[in-house]
PDB file of N, CA and C in Angstrom:
ATOM      1  N   MET A   1       0.844  -1.176   0.000  1.00  0.00           N
ATOM      2  CA  MET A   1       0.000   0.000   0.000  1.00  0.00           C
ATOM      3  C   MET A   1       0.886   1.235   0.000  1.00  0.00           C
ATOM      4  N   ARG A   2       0.378   2.237  -0.646  1.00  0.00           N
ATOM      5  CA  ARG A   2       1.049   3.528  -0.625  1.00  0.00           C
ATOM      6  C   ARG A   2       0.027   4.602  -0.317  1.00  0.00           C
ATOM      7  N   GLY A   3       0.386   5.474   0.593  1.00  0.00           N
ATOM      8  CA  GLY A   3      -0.499   6.570   0.950  1.00  0.00           C
ATOM      9  C   GLY A   3       0.233   7.535   1.848  1.00  0.00           C
ATOM     10  N   THR A   4      -0.382   8.652   2.092  1.00  0.00           N
ATOM     11  CA  THR A   4       0.220   9.669   2.953  1.00  0.00           C
ATOM     12  C   THR A   4      -0.716   9.958   4.119  1.00  0.00           C
ATOM     13  N   TYR A   5      -0.158  10.559   5.144  1.00  0.00           N
ATOM     14  CA  TYR A   5      -0.920  10.882   6.352  1.00  0.00           C
ATOM     15  C   TYR A   5      -0.762  12.363   6.687  1.00  0.00           C
ATOM     16  N   LEU A   6      -1.799  12.912   7.294  1.00  0.00           N
ATOM     17  CA  LEU A   6      -1.780  14.280   7.793  1.00  0.00           C
ATOM     18  C   LEU A   6      -2.469  14.246   9.151  1.00  0.00           C
ATOM     19  N   ALA A   7      -1.779  14.655  10.172  1.00  0.00           N
ATOM     20  CA  ALA A   7      -2.313  14.662  11.541  1.00  0.00           C
ATOM     21  C   ALA A   7      -2.842  13.280  11.943  1.00  0.00           C
ATOM     22  N   GLY A   8      -2.123  12.229  11.514  1.00  0.00           N
ATOM     23  CA  GLY A   8      -2.499  10.868  11.864  1.00  0.00           C
ATOM     24  C   GLY A   8      -3.612  10.266  11.034  1.00  0.00           C
ATOM     25  N   GLU A   9      -4.124  10.994  10.053  1.00  0.00           N
ATOM     26  CA  GLU A   9      -5.218  10.525   9.196  1.00  0.00           C
ATOM     27  C   GLU A   9      -4.692  10.294   7.779  1.00  0.00           C
ATOM     28  N   LYS A  10      -5.230   9.253   7.107  1.00  0.00           N
ATOM     29  CA  LYS A  10      -4.890   9.063   5.701  1.00  0.00           C
ATOM     30  C   LYS A  10      -5.341  10.300   4.948  1.00  0.00           C
ATOM     31  N   ASN A  11      -4.460  10.796   4.093  1.00  0.00           N
ATOM     32  CA  ASN A  11      -4.785  12.017   3.356  1.00  0.00           C
ATOM     33  C   ASN A  11      -4.000  12.026   2.054  1.00  0.00           C
ATOM     34  N   GLY A  12      -4.697  12.216   0.943  1.00  0.00           N
ATOM     35  CA  GLY A  12      -4.042  12.265  -0.355  1.00  0.00           C
ATOM     36  C   GLY A  12      -4.212  10.958  -1.115  1.00  0.00           C
ATOM     37  N   PRO A  13      -3.408  10.787  -2.171  1.00  0.00           N
ATOM     38  CA  PRO A  13      -3.532   9.604  -3.024  1.00  0.00           C
ATOM     39  C   PRO A  13      -3.261   8.314  -2.249  1.00  0.00           C
ATOM     40  N   PHE A  14      -3.995   7.259  -2.620  1.00  0.00           N
ATOM     41  CA  PHE A  14      -3.836   5.952  -1.994  1.00  0.00           C
ATOM     42  C   PHE A  14      -3.830   4.891  -3.081  1.00  0.00           C
ATOM     43  N   LYS A  15      -2.908   3.934  -2.958  1.00  0.00           N
ATOM     44  CA  LYS A  15      -2.847   2.800  -3.881  1.00  0.00           C
ATOM     45  C   LYS A  15      -2.531   1.539  -3.099  1.00  0.00           C
ATOM     46  N   ALA A  16      -3.182   0.444  -3.485  1.00  0.00           N
ATOM     47  CA  ALA A  16      -2.901  -0.873  -2.908  1.00  0.00           C
ATOM     48  C   ALA A  16      -2.601  -1.810  -4.074  1.00  0.00           C
ATOM     49  N   TYR A  17      -1.753  -2.789  -3.814  1.00  0.00           N
ATOM     50  CA  TYR A  17      -1.265  -3.669  -4.867  1.00  0.00           C
ATOM     51  C   TYR A  17      -1.466  -5.134  -4.515  1.00  0.00           C
ATOM     52  N   TYR A  18      -1.664  -5.956  -5.556  1.00  0.00           N
ATOM     53  CA  TYR A  18      -1.658  -7.399  -5.389  1.00  0.00           C
ATOM     54  C   TYR A  18      -0.226  -7.846  -5.112  1.00  0.00           C
ATOM     55  N   SER A  19      -0.058  -9.057  -4.607  1.00  0.00           N
ATOM     56  CA  SER A  19       1.287  -9.577  -4.335  1.00  0.00           C
ATOM     57  C   SER A  19       2.121  -9.666  -5.612  1.00  0.00           C
ATOM     58  N   SER A  20       1.455  -9.714  -6.763  1.00  0.00           N
ATOM     59  CA  SER A  20       2.149  -9.748  -8.063  1.00  0.00           C
ATOM     60  C   SER A  20       2.749  -8.398  -8.426  1.00  0.00           C
ATOM     61  N   GLY A  21       2.331  -7.353  -7.699  1.00  0.00           N
ATOM     62  CA  GLY A  21       2.799  -6.005  -8.004  1.00  0.00           C
ATOM     63  C   GLY A  21       1.810  -5.198  -8.829  1.00  0.00           C
ATOM     64  N   ARG A  22       0.784  -5.852  -9.335  1.00  0.00           N
ATOM     65  CA  ARG A  22      -0.244  -5.135 -10.112  1.00  0.00           C
ATOM     66  C   ARG A  22      -1.113  -4.296  -9.177  1.00  0.00           C
ATOM     67  N   LEU A  23      -1.580  -3.190  -9.719  1.00  0.00           N
ATOM     68  CA  LEU A  23      -2.444  -2.279  -8.968  1.00  0.00           C
ATOM     69  C   LEU A  23      -3.783  -2.950  -8.661  1.00  0.00           C
ATOM     70  N   MET A  24      -4.231  -2.859  -7.405  1.00  0.00           N
ATOM     71  CA  MET A  24      -5.503  -3.433  -6.978  1.00  0.00           C
ATOM     72  C   MET A  24      -6.556  -2.339  -6.753  1.00  0.00           C
ATOM     73  N   ILE A  25      -6.160  -1.246  -6.092  1.00  0.00           N
ATOM     74  CA  ILE A  25      -7.088  -0.152  -5.757  1.00  0.00           C
ATOM     75  C   ILE A  25      -6.344   1.167  -5.878  1.00  0.00           C
ATOM     76  N   GLU A  26      -7.042   2.166  -6.401  1.00  0.00           N
ATOM     77  CA  GLU A  26      -6.496   3.523  -6.342  1.00  0.00           C
ATOM     78  C   GLU A  26      -7.620   4.491  -6.033  1.00  0.00           C
ATOM     79  N   GLY A  27      -7.298   5.449  -5.183  1.00  0.00           N
ATOM     80  CA  GLY A  27      -8.290   6.434  -4.794  1.00  0.00           C
ATOM     81  C   GLY A  27      -7.640   7.567  -4.032  1.00  0.00           C
ATOM     82  N   GLN A  28      -8.449   8.333  -3.361  1.00  0.00           N
ATOM     83  CA  GLN A  28      -8.003   9.529  -2.656  1.00  0.00           C
ATOM     84  C   GLN A  28      -8.645   9.573  -1.277  1.00  0.00           C
ATOM     85  N   TYR A  29      -7.853   9.938  -0.282  1.00  0.00           N
ATOM     86  CA  TYR A  29      -8.379  10.178   1.062  1.00  0.00           C
ATOM     87  C   TYR A  29      -8.360  11.672   1.352  1.00  0.00           C
ATOM     88  N   ASN A  30      -9.340  12.135   2.097  1.00  0.00           N
ATOM     89  CA  ASN A  30      -9.388  13.513   2.562  1.00  0.00           C
ATOM     90  C   ASN A  30      -9.594  13.452   4.074  1.00  0.00           C
ATOM     91  N   LEU A  31      -8.522  13.666   4.811  1.00  0.00           N
ATOM     92  CA  LEU A  31      -8.542  13.632   6.281  1.00  0.00           C
ATOM     93  C   LEU A  31      -9.217  12.368   6.827  1.00  0.00           C
ATOM     94  N   GLY A  32      -8.775  11.209   6.307  1.00  0.00           N
ATOM     95  CA  GLY A  32      -9.245   9.928   6.807  1.00  0.00           C
ATOM     96  C   GLY A  32     -10.477   9.375   6.133  1.00  0.00           C
ATOM     97  N   HIS A  33     -11.063  10.130   5.205  1.00  0.00           N
ATOM     98  CA  HIS A  33     -12.289   9.698   4.528  1.00  0.00           C
ATOM     99  C   HIS A  33     -12.035   9.499   3.038  1.00  0.00           C
ATOM    100  N   GLN A  34     -12.598   8.416   2.499  1.00  0.00           N
ATOM    101  CA  GLN A  34     -12.513   8.219   1.060  1.00  0.00           C
ATOM    102  C   GLN A  34     -13.216   9.389   0.379  1.00  0.00           C
ATOM    103  N   ASP A  35     -12.595   9.876  -0.701  1.00  0.00           N
ATOM    104  CA  ASP A  35     -13.141  11.049  -1.380  1.00  0.00           C
ATOM    105  C   ASP A  35     -12.863  10.930  -2.870  1.00  0.00           C
ATOM    106  N   GLY A  36     -13.830  11.276  -3.680  1.00  0.00           N
ATOM    107  CA  GLY A  36     -13.646  11.208  -5.126  1.00  0.00           C
ATOM    108  C   GLY A  36     -13.832   9.803  -5.656  1.00  0.00           C
ATOM    109  N   THR A  37     -13.243   9.547  -6.814  1.00  0.00           N
ATOM    110  CA  THR A  37     -13.414   8.265  -7.499  1.00  0.00           C
ATOM    111  C   THR A  37     -12.392   7.248  -7.011  1.00  0.00           C
ATOM    112  N   TRP A  38     -12.890   6.084  -6.645  1.00  0.00           N
ATOM    113  CA  TRP A  38     -12.052   4.947  -6.267  1.00  0.00           C
ATOM    114  C   TRP A  38     -12.217   3.895  -7.346  1.00  0.00           C
ATOM    115  N   ILE A  39     -11.100   3.366  -7.813  1.00  0.00           N
ATOM    116  CA  ILE A  39     -11.119   2.375  -8.891  1.00  0.00           C
ATOM    117  C   ILE A  39     -10.494   1.078  -8.381  1.00  0.00           C
ATOM    118  N   TYR A  40     -11.193  -0.021  -8.621  1.00  0.00           N
ATOM    119  CA  TYR A  40     -10.752  -1.351  -8.205  1.00  0.00           C
ATOM    120  C   TYR A  40     -10.418  -2.157  -9.458  1.00  0.00           C
ATOM    121  N   TYR A  41      -9.300  -2.870  -9.419  1.00  0.00           N
ATOM    122  CA  TYR A  41      -8.832  -3.645 -10.567  1.00  0.00           C
ATOM    123  C   TYR A  41      -8.793  -5.129 -10.227  1.00  0.00           C
ATOM    124  N   ASP A  42      -9.031  -5.968 -11.237  1.00  0.00           N
ATOM    125  CA  ASP A  42      -8.857  -7.396 -11.020  1.00  0.00           C
ATOM    126  C   ASP A  42      -7.371  -7.728 -11.180  1.00  0.00           C
ATOM    127  N   GLU A  43      -7.019  -8.982 -10.982  1.00  0.00           N
ATOM    128  CA  GLU A  43      -5.608  -9.367 -11.002  1.00  0.00           C
ATOM    129  C   GLU A  43      -4.972  -9.271 -12.383  1.00  0.00           C
ATOM    130  N   LYS A  44      -5.802  -9.129 -13.426  1.00  0.00           N
ATOM    131  CA  LYS A  44      -5.273  -8.976 -14.786  1.00  0.00           C
ATOM    132  C   LYS A  44      -5.109  -7.507 -15.165  1.00  0.00           C
ATOM    133  N   GLY A  45      -5.557  -6.608 -14.285  1.00  0.00           N
ATOM    134  CA  GLY A  45      -5.397  -5.180 -14.542  1.00  0.00           C
ATOM    135  C   GLY A  45      -6.626  -4.491 -15.110  1.00  0.00           C
ATOM    136  N   ALA A  46      -7.709  -5.246 -15.303  1.00  0.00           N
ATOM    137  CA  ALA A  46      -8.945  -4.649 -15.832  1.00  0.00           C
ATOM    138  C   ALA A  46      -9.742  -4.027 -14.680  1.00  0.00           C
ATOM    139  N   VAL A  47     -10.411  -2.927 -14.973  1.00  0.00           N
ATOM    140  CA  VAL A  47     -11.248  -2.267 -13.970  1.00  0.00           C
ATOM    141  C   VAL A  47     -12.421  -3.188 -13.630  1.00  0.00           C
ATOM    142  N   SER A  48     -12.575  -3.490 -12.337  1.00  0.00           N
ATOM    143  CA  SER A  48     -13.665  -4.369 -11.913  1.00  0.00           C
ATOM    144  C   SER A  48     -14.803  -3.607 -11.244  1.00  0.00           C
ATOM    145  N   LYS A  49     -14.477  -2.431 -10.672  1.00  0.00           N
ATOM    146  CA  LYS A  49     -15.510  -1.649  -9.984  1.00  0.00           C
ATOM    147  C   LYS A  49     -15.027  -0.210  -9.820  1.00  0.00           C
ATOM    148  N   LYS A  50     -15.978   0.700  -9.812  1.00  0.00           N
ATOM    149  CA  LYS A  50     -15.695   2.106  -9.500  1.00  0.00           C
ATOM    150  C   LYS A  50     -16.685   2.550  -8.439  1.00  0.00           C
ATOM    151  N   GLU A  51     -16.217   3.386  -7.536  1.00  0.00           N
ATOM    152  CA  GLU A  51     -17.080   3.966  -6.515  1.00  0.00           C
ATOM    153  C   GLU A  51     -16.740   5.444  -6.399  1.00  0.00           C
ATOM    154  N   ILE A  52     -17.756   6.256  -6.187  1.00  0.00           N
ATOM    155  CA  ILE A  52     -17.526   7.691  -6.022  1.00  0.00           C
ATOM    156  C   ILE A  52     -17.982   8.085  -4.620  1.00  0.00           C
ATOM    157  N   TYR A  53     -17.054   8.705  -3.890  1.00  0.00           N
ATOM    158  CA  TYR A  53     -17.288   9.108  -2.499  1.00  0.00           C
ATOM    159  C   TYR A  53     -17.258  10.622  -2.359  1.00  0.00           C
ATOM    160  N   ASP A  54     -17.988  11.116  -1.374  1.00  0.00           N
ATOM    161  CA  ASP A  54     -17.932  12.523  -0.984  1.00  0.00           C
ATOM    162  C   ASP A  54     -17.676  12.560   0.520  1.00  0.00           C
ATOM    163  N   LYS A  55     -16.456  12.840   0.888  1.00  0.00           N
ATOM    164  CA  LYS A  55     -16.051  12.932   2.306  1.00  0.00           C
ATOM    165  C   LYS A  55     -16.480  11.714   3.113  1.00  0.00           C
ATOM    166  N   GLY A  56     -16.218  10.519   2.569  1.00  0.00           N
ATOM    167  CA  GLY A  56     -16.498   9.284   3.282  1.00  0.00           C
ATOM    168  C   GLY A  56     -17.842   8.668   3.010  1.00  0.00           C
ATOM    169  N   ASN A  57     -18.718   9.382   2.331  1.00  0.00           N
ATOM    170  CA  ASN A  57     -20.053   8.864   2.012  1.00  0.00           C
ATOM    171  C   ASN A  57     -20.080   8.367   0.574  1.00  0.00           C
ATOM    172  N   LEU A  58     -20.493   7.108   0.389  1.00  0.00           N
ATOM    173  CA  LEU A  58     -20.602   6.560  -0.943  1.00  0.00           C
ATOM    174  C   LEU A  58     -21.746   7.255  -1.678  1.00  0.00           C
ATOM    175  N   VAL A  59     -21.429   7.875  -2.807  1.00  0.00           N
ATOM    176  CA  VAL A  59     -22.423   8.634  -3.573  1.00  0.00           C
ATOM    177  C   VAL A  59     -23.042   7.772  -4.653  1.00  0.00           C
ATOM    178  N   THR A  60     -22.186   7.064  -5.402  1.00  0.00           N
ATOM    179  CA  THR A  60     -22.683   6.245  -6.506  1.00  0.00           C
ATOM    180  C   THR A  60     -21.653   5.188  -6.882  1.00  0.00           C
ATOM    181  N   VAL A  61     -22.149   4.149  -7.520  1.00  0.00           N
ATOM    182  CA  VAL A  61     -21.298   3.100  -8.070  1.00  0.00           C
ATOM    183  C   VAL A  61     -21.621   3.038  -9.566  1.00  0.00           C
ATOM    184  N   PRO A  62     -20.854   3.782 -10.375  1.00  0.00           N
ATOM    185  CA  PRO A  62     -21.160   3.802 -11.804  1.00  0.00           C
ATOM    186  C   PRO A  62     -20.853   2.465 -12.454  1.00  0.00           C
ATOM    187  N   PRO A  63     -21.552   2.154 -13.542  1.00  0.00           N
ATOM    188  CA  PRO A  63     -21.280   0.889 -14.237  1.00  0.00           C
ATOM    189  C   PRO A  63     -19.877   0.888 -14.839  1.00  0.00           C
ATOM    190  N   VAL A  64     -19.305  -0.295 -14.936  1.00  0.00           N
ATOM    191  CA  VAL A  64     -17.982  -0.450 -15.524  1.00  0.00           C
ATOM    192  C   VAL A  64     -18.162  -1.039 -16.916  1.00  0.00           C
ATOM    193  N   ASN A  65     -17.605  -0.371 -17.909  1.00  0.00           N
ATOM    194  CA  ASN A  65     -17.668  -0.874 -19.275  1.00  0.00           C
ATOM    195  C   ASN A  65     -16.553  -1.894 -19.476  1.00  0.00           C
ATOM    196  N   LYS A  66     -16.932  -3.108 -19.834  1.00  0.00           N
ATOM    197  CA  LYS A  66     -15.924  -4.160 -20.045  1.00  0.00           C
ATOM    198  C   LYS A  66     -15.835  -4.538 -21.480  1.00  0.00           C
TER     199      LYS A  66
END
Protein backbone atom coordinates (compact mmCIF):
# COMPACT_ATOMS: atom_id res chain seq x y z
CA MET A 1 0.00 0.00 0.00
CA ARG A 2 1.05 3.53 -0.63
CA GLY A 3 -0.50 6.57 0.95
CA THR A 4 0.22 9.67 2.95
CA TYR A 5 -0.92 10.88 6.35
CA LEU A 6 -1.78 14.28 7.79
CA ALA A 7 -2.31 14.66 11.54
CA GLY A 8 -2.50 10.87 11.86
CA GLU A 9 -5.22 10.52 9.20
CA LYS A 10 -4.89 9.06 5.70
CA ASN A 11 -4.78 12.02 3.36
CA GLY A 12 -4.04 12.27 -0.35
CA PRO A 13 -3.53 9.60 -3.02
CA PHE A 14 -3.84 5.95 -1.99
CA LYS A 15 -2.85 2.80 -3.88
CA ALA A 16 -2.90 -0.87 -2.91
CA TYR A 17 -1.26 -3.67 -4.87
CA TYR A 18 -1.66 -7.40 -5.39
CA SER A 19 1.29 -9.58 -4.34
CA SER A 20 2.15 -9.75 -8.06
CA GLY A 21 2.80 -6.01 -8.00
CA ARG A 22 -0.24 -5.13 -10.11
CA LEU A 23 -2.44 -2.28 -8.97
CA MET A 24 -5.50 -3.43 -6.98
CA ILE A 25 -7.09 -0.15 -5.76
CA GLU A 26 -6.50 3.52 -6.34
CA GLY A 27 -8.29 6.43 -4.79
CA GLN A 28 -8.00 9.53 -2.66
CA TYR A 29 -8.38 10.18 1.06
CA ASN A 30 -9.39 13.51 2.56
CA LEU A 31 -8.54 13.63 6.28
CA GLY A 32 -9.24 9.93 6.81
CA HIS A 33 -12.29 9.70 4.53
CA GLN A 34 -12.51 8.22 1.06
CA ASP A 35 -13.14 11.05 -1.38
CA GLY A 36 -13.65 11.21 -5.13
CA THR A 37 -13.41 8.26 -7.50
CA TRP A 38 -12.05 4.95 -6.27
CA ILE A 39 -11.12 2.38 -8.89
CA TYR A 40 -10.75 -1.35 -8.20
CA TYR A 41 -8.83 -3.64 -10.57
CA ASP A 42 -8.86 -7.40 -11.02
CA GLU A 43 -5.61 -9.37 -11.00
CA LYS A 44 -5.27 -8.98 -14.79
CA GLY A 45 -5.40 -5.18 -14.54
CA ALA A 46 -8.95 -4.65 -15.83
CA VAL A 47 -11.25 -2.27 -13.97
CA SER A 48 -13.67 -4.37 -11.91
CA LYS A 49 -15.51 -1.65 -9.98
CA LYS A 50 -15.69 2.11 -9.50
CA GLU A 51 -17.08 3.97 -6.51
CA ILE A 52 -17.53 7.69 -6.02
CA TYR A 53 -17.29 9.11 -2.50
CA ASP A 54 -17.93 12.52 -0.98
CA LYS A 55 -16.05 12.93 2.31
CA GLY A 56 -16.50 9.28 3.28
CA ASN A 57 -20.05 8.86 2.01
CA LEU A 58 -20.60 6.56 -0.94
CA VAL A 59 -22.42 8.63 -3.57
CA THR A 60 -22.68 6.24 -6.51
CA VAL A 61 -21.30 3.10 -8.07
CA PRO A 62 -21.16 3.80 -11.80
CA PRO A 63 -21.28 0.89 -14.24
CA VAL A 64 -17.98 -0.45 -15.52
CA ASN A 65 -17.67 -0.87 -19.28
CA LYS A 66 -15.92 -4.16 -20.04
